[in-house]
C-alpha cells in the first residue's frame, strides 16, 4: 500500500500493513519512493502520513481510544 508524506508529498510504500491498522503502533515500516534507486526501509510516524488522495488516515488506525465514548453510554 502506498501513502503520502504530508510535508513533502513523497510516496511511501508501507511494508507492514499490520502496523498500519494497529492503533497501538505509532509508526510503520516503509520505503520512500523517491529518486532512481530503491531506498532502504525506514520508520515513518503515522501522524505524518496521508492517503495519496489527500485524505487523512482513519481514526481507528491512529487512536486506541476511538470508541471509548460509546462504552460509557
Protein backbone atom coordinates (compact mmCIF):
# COMPACT_ATOMS: atom_id res chain seq x y z
CA UNK A 1 0.00 0.00 0.00
CA UNK A 2 1.21 3.47 -0.79
CA UNK A 3 0.73 6.52 1.42
CA UNK A 4 1.98 10.06 1.03
CA UNK A 5 4.04 12.17 3.40
CA UNK A 6 2.19 15.32 4.49
CA UNK A 7 5.21 17.61 4.47
CA UNK A 8 6.62 16.97 1.00
CA UNK A 9 4.20 14.67 -0.83
CA UNK A 10 6.68 11.84 -1.39
CA UNK A 11 5.16 8.37 -1.68
CA UNK A 12 5.88 5.79 0.99
CA UNK A 13 5.40 2.09 0.31
CA UNK A 14 4.10 0.62 3.56
CA UNK A 15 5.78 -2.74 4.16
CA UNK A 16 3.90 -3.71 7.32
CA UNK A 17 0.14 -3.41 6.92
CA UNK A 18 -0.46 -4.88 10.37
CA UNK A 19 1.45 -1.95 11.89
CA UNK A 20 -0.61 0.47 9.83
CA UNK A 21 -4.03 -0.71 11.02
CA UNK A 22 -2.99 -1.40 14.62
CA UNK A 23 -3.76 1.75 16.67
CA UNK A 24 -1.19 0.78 19.32
CA UNK A 25 1.65 1.16 16.80
CA UNK A 26 2.56 4.80 16.20
CA UNK A 27 5.00 4.09 13.36
CA UNK A 28 5.05 1.97 10.23
CA UNK A 29 7.94 0.42 8.35
CA UNK A 30 8.07 1.68 4.81
CA UNK A 31 10.24 2.61 1.88
CA UNK A 32 10.34 6.03 0.25
CA UNK A 33 9.73 6.06 -3.49
CA UNK A 34 11.96 8.97 -4.31
CA UNK A 35 14.87 9.10 -6.72
CA UNK A 36 16.10 6.43 -9.09
CA UNK A 37 17.40 3.87 -6.60
CA UNK A 38 15.27 1.81 -4.23
CA UNK A 39 15.51 3.30 -0.74
CA UNK A 40 16.20 1.35 2.42
CA UNK A 41 13.24 0.59 4.72
CA UNK A 42 12.72 3.16 7.46
CA UNK A 43 10.23 4.03 10.21
CA UNK A 44 7.56 6.64 9.49
CA UNK A 45 5.22 8.14 12.11
CA UNK A 46 1.57 7.57 11.19
CA UNK A 47 0.79 11.19 12.06
CA UNK A 48 2.92 12.32 9.11
CA UNK A 49 1.17 10.12 6.53
CA UNK A 50 -1.99 10.56 4.48
CA UNK A 51 -3.61 8.71 1.58
CA UNK A 52 -2.38 9.72 -1.90
CA UNK A 53 -5.80 11.36 -2.46
CA UNK A 54 -5.10 13.75 0.44
CA UNK A 55 -7.48 12.10 2.91
CA UNK A 56 -6.36 11.52 6.48
CA UNK A 57 -5.85 8.03 7.83
CA UNK A 58 -8.87 6.59 9.66
CA UNK A 59 -9.03 7.46 13.33
CA UNK A 60 -9.35 3.76 14.26
CA UNK A 61 -5.83 3.22 12.84
CA UNK A 62 -4.36 6.01 14.97
CA UNK A 63 -6.28 6.23 18.26
CA UNK A 64 -6.63 3.20 20.51
CA UNK A 65 -9.42 5.01 22.43
CA UNK A 66 -11.51 5.98 19.41
CA UNK A 67 -14.64 4.22 20.73
CA UNK A 68 -14.33 4.95 24.45
CA UNK A 69 -17.29 7.37 24.42
CA UNK A 70 -19.58 4.62 23.13
CA UNK A 71 -18.64 2.35 26.02
CA UNK A 72 -19.62 4.95 28.62
CA UNK A 73 -23.20 5.30 27.31
